[in-house]
N, C-alpha and C. Protein backbone atom coordinates (compact mmCIF):
# COMPACT_ATOMS: atom_id res chain seq x y z
N MET A 1 117.23 99.39 122.91
CA MET A 1 116.55 100.02 121.78
C MET A 1 116.99 99.74 120.40
N ARG A 2 118.27 99.42 120.44
CA ARG A 2 118.92 98.92 119.10
C ARG A 2 118.47 97.54 118.66
N LYS A 3 118.39 96.64 119.57
CA LYS A 3 118.03 95.29 119.51
C LYS A 3 116.57 95.38 119.09
N GLU A 4 115.81 96.20 119.74
CA GLU A 4 114.34 96.28 119.29
C GLU A 4 114.20 96.53 117.75
N LYS A 5 114.96 97.67 117.38
CA LYS A 5 114.80 98.03 115.92
C LYS A 5 115.19 96.95 115.02
N GLU A 6 116.45 96.19 115.37
CA GLU A 6 116.95 95.04 114.50
C GLU A 6 115.85 93.98 114.36
N ASN A 7 115.19 93.69 115.53
CA ASN A 7 114.16 92.64 115.59
C ASN A 7 113.07 93.02 114.68
N LYS A 8 112.62 94.26 114.84
CA LYS A 8 111.48 94.85 113.91
C LYS A 8 111.94 94.74 112.45
N LYS A 9 113.11 95.13 112.16
CA LYS A 9 113.67 95.06 110.81
C LYS A 9 113.54 93.60 110.31
N SER A 10 114.02 92.71 111.11
CA SER A 10 114.10 91.36 110.68
C SER A 10 112.68 90.75 110.32
N ARG A 11 111.75 91.17 111.24
CA ARG A 11 110.31 90.70 111.15
C ARG A 11 109.72 91.27 109.86
N LEU A 12 110.11 92.60 109.58
CA LEU A 12 109.63 93.33 108.31
C LEU A 12 110.21 92.39 107.06
N THR A 13 111.42 91.83 107.08
CA THR A 13 111.99 91.39 105.95
C THR A 13 111.34 89.95 105.63
N LEU A 14 110.70 89.28 106.85
CA LEU A 14 110.05 88.18 106.71
C LEU A 14 108.65 88.18 106.09
N ILE A 15 108.02 89.33 106.20
CA ILE A 15 106.66 89.52 105.58
C ILE A 15 106.73 89.34 104.13
N PRO A 16 107.54 89.95 103.32
CA PRO A 16 107.53 89.59 101.75
C PRO A 16 107.80 88.08 101.61
N LEU A 17 108.63 87.50 102.39
CA LEU A 17 108.92 86.12 102.02
C LEU A 17 107.65 85.27 102.36
N LEU A 18 106.99 85.62 103.53
CA LEU A 18 105.64 84.87 103.92
C LEU A 18 104.68 85.10 102.60
N ILE A 19 104.68 86.29 102.15
CA ILE A 19 103.52 86.54 101.06
C ILE A 19 103.89 85.77 99.95
N LEU A 20 105.24 85.64 99.54
CA LEU A 20 105.74 84.88 98.34
C LEU A 20 105.33 83.35 98.64
N LEU A 21 105.53 82.89 99.81
CA LEU A 21 105.35 81.51 100.00
C LEU A 21 103.67 81.25 100.08
N ILE A 22 102.99 82.20 100.43
CA ILE A 22 101.52 82.02 100.35
C ILE A 22 101.02 81.86 98.88
N ILE A 23 101.59 82.80 98.01
CA ILE A 23 101.42 82.99 96.59
C ILE A 23 101.78 81.62 96.00
N GLY A 24 103.05 81.16 96.33
CA GLY A 24 103.54 79.97 95.83
C GLY A 24 102.65 78.78 96.10
N TYR A 25 102.12 78.66 97.34
CA TYR A 25 101.17 77.70 97.77
C TYR A 25 99.89 77.69 96.99
N ILE A 26 99.43 78.84 96.62
CA ILE A 26 98.32 79.01 95.86
C ILE A 26 98.44 78.51 94.47
N GLY A 27 99.69 78.80 93.92
CA GLY A 27 100.04 78.32 92.64
C GLY A 27 100.01 76.75 92.69
N TRP A 28 100.62 76.12 93.66
CA TRP A 28 100.73 74.82 93.90
C TRP A 28 99.25 74.03 93.96
N TYR A 29 98.49 74.75 94.79
CA TYR A 29 97.10 74.34 95.11
C TYR A 29 96.20 74.16 93.79
N TYR A 30 96.39 75.13 92.95
CA TYR A 30 95.61 75.05 91.62
C TYR A 30 96.23 74.23 90.50
N THR A 31 97.49 73.98 90.44
CA THR A 31 98.13 73.31 89.38
C THR A 31 98.85 71.89 89.75
N GLN A 32 99.33 72.00 91.10
CA GLN A 32 99.97 70.86 91.52
C GLN A 32 101.36 70.56 90.80
N THR A 33 101.88 71.74 90.41
CA THR A 33 103.21 71.75 89.66
C THR A 33 104.17 72.73 90.14
N LYS A 34 105.49 72.60 89.88
CA LYS A 34 106.40 73.43 90.20
C LYS A 34 106.15 74.68 89.29
N GLU A 35 105.88 74.63 88.14
CA GLU A 35 105.54 75.65 87.08
C GLU A 35 104.47 76.45 87.70
N GLY A 36 103.60 76.01 88.29
CA GLY A 36 102.39 76.63 88.82
C GLY A 36 102.85 77.59 89.96
N ILE A 37 103.79 77.07 90.85
CA ILE A 37 104.34 77.87 91.84
C ILE A 37 105.05 79.16 91.25
N PHE A 38 105.93 78.92 90.31
CA PHE A 38 106.59 79.91 89.76
C PHE A 38 105.78 80.93 88.84
N ALA A 39 104.71 80.49 88.25
CA ALA A 39 103.99 81.29 87.45
C ALA A 39 103.13 82.16 88.46
N ALA A 40 102.73 81.61 89.63
CA ALA A 40 101.83 82.32 90.57
C ALA A 40 102.73 83.42 91.12
N ILE A 41 104.06 83.27 91.53
CA ILE A 41 104.90 84.16 92.11
C ILE A 41 105.17 85.25 91.01
N ILE A 42 105.59 84.79 89.79
CA ILE A 42 105.82 85.84 88.84
C ILE A 42 104.69 86.68 88.48
N ALA A 43 103.46 86.14 88.35
CA ALA A 43 102.32 86.97 88.10
C ALA A 43 102.16 87.95 89.19
N ALA A 44 102.25 87.49 90.45
CA ALA A 44 102.03 88.42 91.59
C ALA A 44 103.26 89.54 91.63
N LEU A 45 104.38 89.21 91.22
CA LEU A 45 105.46 90.24 91.23
C LEU A 45 105.10 91.25 89.97
N ILE A 46 104.55 90.84 89.01
CA ILE A 46 104.30 91.72 87.84
C ILE A 46 103.11 92.65 88.20
N LEU A 47 102.08 92.09 88.86
CA LEU A 47 101.05 92.87 89.33
C LEU A 47 101.47 93.96 90.40
N PHE A 48 102.34 93.53 91.32
CA PHE A 48 102.83 94.35 92.28
C PHE A 48 103.63 95.46 91.63
N ILE A 49 104.53 95.33 90.79
CA ILE A 49 105.34 96.41 89.94
C ILE A 49 104.27 97.20 89.23
N ILE A 50 103.32 96.66 88.52
CA ILE A 50 102.34 97.47 87.77
C ILE A 50 101.73 98.46 88.85
N PHE A 51 101.08 97.90 89.94
CA PHE A 51 100.59 98.75 90.89
C PHE A 51 101.50 99.86 91.42
N LYS A 52 102.86 99.53 91.64
CA LYS A 52 103.67 100.58 92.16
C LYS A 52 104.01 101.59 91.06
N LEU A 53 104.07 101.16 89.79
CA LEU A 53 104.24 102.24 88.77
C LEU A 53 102.95 103.07 88.49
N TRP A 54 101.75 102.42 88.71
CA TRP A 54 100.47 103.23 88.49
C TRP A 54 100.39 104.19 89.73
N ARG A 55 100.77 103.80 91.02
CA ARG A 55 100.70 104.85 92.15
C ARG A 55 101.68 105.90 91.86
N LYS A 56 102.84 105.56 91.40
CA LYS A 56 103.86 106.76 91.23
C LYS A 56 103.43 107.59 90.07
N SER A 57 102.88 107.27 89.10
CA SER A 57 102.36 108.04 87.96
C SER A 57 101.29 108.88 88.40
N ARG A 58 100.44 108.50 89.22
CA ARG A 58 99.29 109.24 89.79
C ARG A 58 99.90 110.40 90.62
N ALA A 59 100.91 110.06 91.54
CA ALA A 59 101.50 111.16 92.36
C ALA A 59 102.21 112.15 91.50
N THR A 60 102.85 111.63 90.53
CA THR A 60 103.57 112.47 89.71
C THR A 60 102.66 113.50 88.81
N ALA A 61 101.52 112.89 88.36
CA ALA A 61 100.56 113.55 87.62
C ALA A 61 99.95 114.72 88.56
N LYS A 62 99.72 114.38 89.79
CA LYS A 62 98.98 115.16 90.74
C LYS A 62 100.12 116.41 90.98
N PHE A 63 101.33 116.22 91.16
CA PHE A 63 102.35 117.20 91.31
C PHE A 63 102.47 118.16 90.06
N ARG A 64 102.38 117.49 89.02
CA ARG A 64 102.50 118.22 87.63
C ARG A 64 101.43 119.08 87.46
N LYS A 65 100.28 118.53 87.67
CA LYS A 65 99.08 119.48 87.58
C LYS A 65 98.97 120.54 88.60
N ALA A 66 99.52 120.32 89.81
CA ALA A 66 99.55 121.46 90.87
C ALA A 66 100.62 122.42 90.52
N GLY A 67 101.56 122.10 89.68
CA GLY A 67 102.68 122.98 89.40
C GLY A 67 103.71 123.20 90.46
N ILE A 68 103.87 122.22 91.38
CA ILE A 68 104.71 122.38 92.50
C ILE A 68 106.24 122.47 92.15
N TYR A 69 106.45 121.75 91.08
CA TYR A 69 107.87 121.73 90.61
C TYR A 69 108.22 123.28 90.18
N ASP A 70 107.33 124.01 89.52
CA ASP A 70 107.46 125.40 89.11
C ASP A 70 107.57 126.29 90.34
N ILE A 71 106.74 125.94 91.30
CA ILE A 71 106.87 126.61 92.64
C ILE A 71 108.26 126.56 93.22
N ASP A 72 108.73 125.44 93.23
CA ASP A 72 110.09 125.16 93.74
C ASP A 72 111.17 125.96 93.17
N GLU A 73 110.99 126.39 91.92
CA GLU A 73 111.93 127.11 91.14
C GLU A 73 111.82 128.70 91.14
N MET A 74 110.78 129.07 91.88
CA MET A 74 110.44 130.50 92.06
C MET A 74 111.23 131.16 92.99
N THR A 75 111.38 132.47 92.88
CA THR A 75 112.15 133.34 93.98
C THR A 75 111.08 133.45 94.99
N GLY A 76 111.32 134.09 96.08
CA GLY A 76 110.45 134.40 97.22
C GLY A 76 109.43 135.35 96.79
N GLU A 77 109.83 136.38 95.94
CA GLU A 77 108.79 137.29 95.58
C GLU A 77 107.68 136.75 94.69
N GLU A 78 108.25 135.97 93.66
CA GLU A 78 107.42 135.29 92.90
C GLU A 78 106.44 134.22 93.51
N PHE A 79 106.94 133.68 94.55
CA PHE A 79 106.13 132.78 95.35
C PHE A 79 105.00 133.53 96.06
N GLU A 80 105.42 134.76 96.55
CA GLU A 80 104.24 135.62 97.16
C GLU A 80 103.32 136.05 96.14
N GLN A 81 103.70 136.37 94.95
CA GLN A 81 102.87 136.73 93.85
C GLN A 81 101.84 135.66 93.44
N TYR A 82 102.43 134.41 93.42
CA TYR A 82 101.67 133.20 93.13
C TYR A 82 100.47 133.06 94.13
N LEU A 83 100.89 133.09 95.37
CA LEU A 83 100.08 132.94 96.65
C LEU A 83 98.98 133.85 96.47
N GLY A 84 99.29 135.09 96.16
CA GLY A 84 98.28 136.31 96.00
C GLY A 84 97.36 135.86 95.03
N GLU A 85 97.70 135.52 93.79
CA GLU A 85 96.81 135.07 92.79
C GLU A 85 96.08 133.79 93.20
N LEU A 86 96.53 132.97 93.86
CA LEU A 86 95.72 131.77 94.43
C LEU A 86 94.82 132.19 95.43
N PHE A 87 94.98 133.07 96.34
CA PHE A 87 93.92 133.55 97.38
C PHE A 87 93.03 134.28 96.69
N ILE A 88 93.29 135.17 95.70
CA ILE A 88 92.37 135.87 95.02
C ILE A 88 91.28 134.98 94.22
N ARG A 89 91.80 133.85 93.80
CA ARG A 89 90.85 132.92 93.15
C ARG A 89 90.09 132.11 94.20
N ARG A 90 90.56 132.14 95.50
CA ARG A 90 89.84 131.53 96.57
C ARG A 90 88.78 132.54 97.23
N GLY A 91 88.71 133.78 96.60
CA GLY A 91 87.88 134.63 97.18
C GLY A 91 88.36 135.69 98.02
N PHE A 92 89.58 135.79 98.39
CA PHE A 92 90.05 136.81 99.24
C PHE A 92 90.44 138.07 98.60
N ASN A 93 90.25 139.24 99.35
CA ASN A 93 90.84 140.47 98.86
C ASN A 93 92.24 140.53 99.37
N ILE A 94 93.33 140.78 98.59
CA ILE A 94 94.70 140.72 99.06
C ILE A 94 95.46 142.08 98.87
N SER A 95 96.36 142.27 99.85
CA SER A 95 97.25 143.40 99.70
C SER A 95 98.57 142.86 100.10
N TYR A 96 99.56 143.28 99.32
CA TYR A 96 100.95 142.93 99.57
C TYR A 96 101.70 143.91 100.43
N THR A 97 102.62 143.42 101.33
CA THR A 97 103.22 144.44 102.19
C THR A 97 104.62 144.75 101.54
N LYS A 98 105.24 145.73 101.92
CA LYS A 98 106.60 146.05 101.36
C LYS A 98 107.51 145.01 101.48
N ALA A 99 108.60 144.89 100.60
CA ALA A 99 109.58 143.66 100.82
C ALA A 99 110.35 143.91 102.09
N SER A 100 110.71 145.22 102.46
CA SER A 100 111.36 145.47 103.62
C SER A 100 110.43 146.07 104.52
N SER A 101 110.50 146.01 105.77
CA SER A 101 109.62 146.54 106.85
C SER A 101 108.24 145.97 106.78
N ASP A 102 108.17 144.69 106.49
CA ASP A 102 106.86 144.14 106.41
C ASP A 102 106.24 143.55 107.74
N TYR A 103 107.01 143.69 108.73
CA TYR A 103 106.72 143.30 110.16
C TYR A 103 106.14 141.94 110.29
N GLY A 104 106.72 141.03 109.44
CA GLY A 104 106.31 139.47 109.58
C GLY A 104 105.30 139.06 108.63
N ALA A 105 104.73 139.93 107.83
CA ALA A 105 103.71 139.43 106.86
C ALA A 105 103.95 139.92 105.43
N ASP A 106 103.77 138.92 104.55
CA ASP A 106 104.05 139.14 103.26
C ASP A 106 102.80 139.50 102.55
N LEU A 107 101.62 138.88 102.89
CA LEU A 107 100.32 139.20 102.28
C LEU A 107 99.40 139.43 103.46
N ILE A 108 98.37 140.24 103.14
CA ILE A 108 97.13 140.43 104.10
C ILE A 108 96.00 140.02 103.29
N LEU A 109 95.22 139.13 103.70
CA LEU A 109 94.15 138.55 103.19
C LEU A 109 92.91 139.09 104.00
N GLU A 110 91.82 139.44 103.22
CA GLU A 110 90.60 139.91 103.90
C GLU A 110 89.34 139.23 103.13
N ASP A 111 88.48 138.84 104.03
CA ASP A 111 87.27 138.40 103.51
C ASP A 111 86.15 139.13 104.34
N LYS A 112 84.95 138.78 104.44
CA LYS A 112 83.84 139.49 105.18
C LYS A 112 84.13 139.49 106.69
N GLU A 113 84.79 138.66 107.20
CA GLU A 113 84.87 138.46 108.74
C GLU A 113 86.26 138.74 109.10
N ASP A 114 87.25 138.09 108.46
CA ASP A 114 88.61 138.04 108.92
C ASP A 114 89.57 138.75 108.18
N ILE A 115 90.69 139.21 108.84
CA ILE A 115 91.89 139.89 108.31
C ILE A 115 93.08 138.80 108.70
N ILE A 116 93.73 138.25 107.61
CA ILE A 116 94.67 137.13 107.92
C ILE A 116 96.02 137.63 107.29
N VAL A 117 96.94 137.55 108.24
CA VAL A 117 98.27 137.84 107.83
C VAL A 117 99.06 136.65 107.55
N VAL A 118 99.78 136.54 106.13
CA VAL A 118 100.45 135.44 105.62
C VAL A 118 101.89 135.57 105.56
N GLN A 119 102.61 134.76 105.90
CA GLN A 119 104.07 134.65 105.87
C GLN A 119 104.41 133.65 104.80
N ALA A 120 104.98 133.96 103.73
CA ALA A 120 105.14 133.05 102.68
C ALA A 120 106.61 132.66 102.72
N LYS A 121 106.86 131.33 102.66
CA LYS A 121 108.30 130.88 102.80
C LYS A 121 108.40 129.85 101.67
N ARG A 122 109.20 130.28 100.70
CA ARG A 122 109.46 129.32 99.42
C ARG A 122 110.88 128.80 99.77
N TYR A 123 110.98 127.52 100.33
CA TYR A 123 112.26 127.03 100.87
C TYR A 123 112.48 125.62 100.22
N SER A 124 113.73 125.29 100.17
CA SER A 124 114.21 123.93 99.80
C SER A 124 114.29 123.02 101.02
N GLY A 125 114.66 123.59 102.20
CA GLY A 125 114.62 122.97 103.33
C GLY A 125 113.47 123.07 104.31
N SER A 126 113.52 122.51 105.42
CA SER A 126 112.41 122.68 106.45
C SER A 126 112.24 124.07 107.03
N VAL A 127 111.00 124.55 107.09
CA VAL A 127 110.81 125.93 107.68
C VAL A 127 110.66 125.89 109.20
N GLY A 128 111.55 126.68 109.94
CA GLY A 128 111.62 126.77 111.30
C GLY A 128 110.84 127.61 111.97
N VAL A 129 111.12 127.82 113.30
CA VAL A 129 110.39 128.78 114.44
C VAL A 129 110.38 130.00 113.85
N LYS A 130 111.45 130.58 113.21
CA LYS A 130 111.65 131.92 112.92
C LYS A 130 110.33 132.55 112.19
N ALA A 131 109.89 131.71 111.13
CA ALA A 131 108.77 132.12 110.25
C ALA A 131 107.35 132.28 111.21
N VAL A 132 107.44 131.40 112.21
CA VAL A 132 106.16 131.36 112.97
C VAL A 132 106.29 132.70 113.93
N GLN A 133 107.46 132.86 114.44
CA GLN A 133 107.65 133.93 115.33
C GLN A 133 107.30 135.40 114.51
N GLU A 134 107.75 135.42 113.20
CA GLU A 134 107.56 136.61 112.58
C GLU A 134 106.02 136.90 112.17
N VAL A 135 105.33 135.91 112.00
CA VAL A 135 103.81 136.15 111.67
C VAL A 135 103.12 136.33 112.89
N ILE A 136 103.65 135.84 114.10
CA ILE A 136 102.98 136.22 115.27
C ILE A 136 103.13 137.67 115.64
N GLY A 137 104.26 138.17 115.24
CA GLY A 137 104.52 139.60 115.43
C GLY A 137 103.59 140.49 114.54
N ALA A 138 103.30 139.90 113.37
CA ALA A 138 102.37 140.65 112.49
C ALA A 138 101.00 140.74 112.80
N LEU A 139 100.49 139.79 113.62
CA LEU A 139 99.00 139.71 114.08
C LEU A 139 98.64 141.08 114.61
N LYS A 140 99.34 141.58 115.58
CA LYS A 140 99.06 142.89 116.22
C LYS A 140 99.24 144.05 115.39
N MET A 141 100.37 143.97 114.63
CA MET A 141 100.80 145.13 113.72
C MET A 141 99.75 145.44 112.74
N TYR A 142 99.05 144.37 112.22
CA TYR A 142 98.12 144.55 111.09
C TYR A 142 96.59 144.38 111.73
N GLU A 143 96.51 144.29 113.02
CA GLU A 143 95.25 143.97 113.65
C GLU A 143 94.48 142.80 113.05
N ALA A 144 95.26 141.84 112.74
CA ALA A 144 94.73 140.63 112.10
C ALA A 144 93.86 139.75 113.06
N THR A 145 92.97 138.80 112.44
CA THR A 145 92.36 137.90 113.38
C THR A 145 93.01 136.45 113.36
N GLU A 146 93.75 136.29 112.16
CA GLU A 146 94.37 135.09 112.16
C GLU A 146 95.81 135.25 111.47
N ALA A 147 96.74 134.23 111.65
CA ALA A 147 97.90 134.32 111.01
C ALA A 147 98.21 132.82 110.47
N TRP A 148 98.84 132.98 109.26
CA TRP A 148 99.22 131.75 108.51
C TRP A 148 100.69 131.80 107.94
N VAL A 149 101.22 130.68 107.90
CA VAL A 149 102.52 130.37 107.32
C VAL A 149 102.31 129.49 106.15
N VAL A 150 102.76 129.83 105.04
CA VAL A 150 102.61 128.98 103.85
C VAL A 150 103.85 128.69 103.25
N THR A 151 104.18 127.43 103.02
CA THR A 151 105.40 127.05 102.35
C THR A 151 105.16 125.96 101.27
N ASN A 152 106.30 125.90 100.39
CA ASN A 152 106.33 124.81 99.45
C ASN A 152 107.11 123.63 99.98
N SER A 153 107.61 123.63 101.30
CA SER A 153 108.24 122.74 101.90
C SER A 153 107.57 122.10 103.19
N TYR A 154 108.14 121.76 104.13
CA TYR A 154 107.61 121.20 105.38
C TYR A 154 108.12 122.02 106.71
N PHE A 155 107.43 121.90 107.70
CA PHE A 155 107.72 122.56 108.92
C PHE A 155 108.49 121.60 109.88
N THR A 156 109.48 122.23 110.70
CA THR A 156 110.03 121.53 111.76
C THR A 156 109.06 121.23 112.88
N LYS A 157 109.49 120.24 113.73
CA LYS A 157 108.61 120.01 114.86
C LYS A 157 108.42 121.18 115.77
N GLN A 158 109.56 121.89 115.92
CA GLN A 158 109.56 123.07 116.92
C GLN A 158 108.62 124.17 116.22
N ALA A 159 108.61 124.36 114.96
CA ALA A 159 107.83 125.39 114.31
C ALA A 159 106.30 124.85 114.55
N MET A 160 106.08 123.71 114.46
CA MET A 160 104.67 123.14 114.64
C MET A 160 104.24 123.25 116.01
N ASN A 161 105.04 123.11 116.97
CA ASN A 161 104.72 123.19 118.42
C ASN A 161 104.38 124.70 118.70
N LEU A 162 105.27 125.58 118.29
CA LEU A 162 105.15 127.05 118.42
C LEU A 162 103.86 127.42 117.83
N ALA A 163 103.57 127.15 116.60
CA ALA A 163 102.31 127.48 115.86
C ALA A 163 101.11 127.07 116.64
N GLU A 164 101.14 125.82 117.16
CA GLU A 164 99.98 125.27 117.79
C GLU A 164 99.71 126.09 118.98
N SER A 165 100.81 126.39 119.84
CA SER A 165 100.55 127.16 121.02
C SER A 165 100.12 128.59 120.89
N ASN A 166 100.31 129.19 119.50
CA ASN A 166 99.97 130.49 119.24
C ASN A 166 98.82 130.59 118.32
N GLU A 167 98.20 129.39 117.95
CA GLU A 167 97.05 129.47 117.12
C GLU A 167 97.46 129.85 115.73
N VAL A 168 98.62 129.53 115.24
CA VAL A 168 99.00 130.00 113.88
C VAL A 168 98.79 128.74 112.91
N PHE A 169 98.19 129.12 111.78
CA PHE A 169 97.82 127.99 110.82
C PHE A 169 98.84 127.71 109.84
N LEU A 170 99.53 126.52 109.80
CA LEU A 170 100.48 126.24 108.94
C LEU A 170 100.07 125.43 107.78
N ILE A 171 100.39 125.90 106.48
CA ILE A 171 100.13 125.17 105.22
C ILE A 171 101.41 124.71 104.66
N ASP A 172 101.64 123.40 104.68
CA ASP A 172 102.93 122.83 104.27
C ASP A 172 102.69 122.39 102.66
N ARG A 173 103.61 121.69 102.14
CA ARG A 173 103.72 121.28 100.86
C ARG A 173 102.49 120.54 100.45
N ASP A 174 102.14 119.53 101.17
CA ASP A 174 101.08 118.78 100.85
C ASP A 174 99.67 119.46 100.76
N GLU A 175 99.44 120.47 101.80
CA GLU A 175 98.16 121.10 101.83
C GLU A 175 98.24 122.27 100.80
N LEU A 176 99.43 122.66 100.41
CA LEU A 176 99.50 123.85 99.36
C LEU A 176 99.01 123.02 98.03
N ILE A 177 99.67 121.77 97.68
CA ILE A 177 99.16 121.20 96.63
C ILE A 177 97.65 120.80 96.43
N GLU A 178 97.08 120.43 97.70
CA GLU A 178 95.59 120.19 97.65
C GLU A 178 94.89 121.54 97.37
N MET A 179 95.25 122.60 98.05
CA MET A 179 94.75 123.98 97.76
C MET A 179 94.79 124.35 96.19
N ILE A 180 95.99 124.08 95.59
CA ILE A 180 96.09 124.47 94.28
C ILE A 180 95.11 123.73 93.51
N LEU A 181 95.02 122.33 93.65
CA LEU A 181 94.22 121.53 92.97
C LEU A 181 92.59 121.95 93.17
N GLU A 182 92.25 122.16 94.34
CA GLU A 182 90.88 122.50 94.56
C GLU A 182 90.53 123.85 93.76
N THR A 183 91.54 124.72 93.78
CA THR A 183 91.26 126.16 93.10
C THR A 183 91.19 125.85 91.63
N LYS A 184 91.84 124.97 91.03
CA LYS A 184 91.91 124.89 89.49
C LYS A 184 90.56 124.48 88.95
C-alpha cells in the first residue's frame, strides 16, 4: 500500500514537469529560440498564478458575503438565533426551545406540511454522532416529520452514517453558506 502511494505521488510530480515541457515545446515551435521556450514557460506560470489568485479571491468573497467568519465567532445561542432568522427569511414559522430540557432540538420549524426539529451546532471541530442522536430523540418528543442538524463545520463519517440510516438531514458548512447566499 505504501509503495502504491509513493508511485502515485511520483507520477503526480511528473505531471507539472510534462506540462512545462509541452509549453516549452510550444514556445520553441513558434520562435525556434531558447528565449521563446523561457517566455512561453514564464507566461504560462504567470497565467497559472493569476488564475489561482482569481479563484482564491472568489472563494474569499463568497465566504465574506455569506458571513461565515462571523458565524464562526458566535456563541451557540447566537448561532441558534441566526439560524432562526435565516429560516424565517426562508418562509418557516419558528419557535425556540428552552436552553435546558430541549430534548435534542434547538429550533422547531413549521411550514404548511411539515414540522422540523433542528439541532444547531456551532463548532470549530467536526460534529459527531451525539448531535444526530439528540435530534433523533427530538423527533417523537415534538411529533416532527423531519429532523435536521445544522453546523458551521463538517460532520464525521459516523455521524453521516447514523443520519443516513435514520433519515436525518445534515447541513454542513458548505451547504449553510449556499443557503445563506440563496436567502440574501
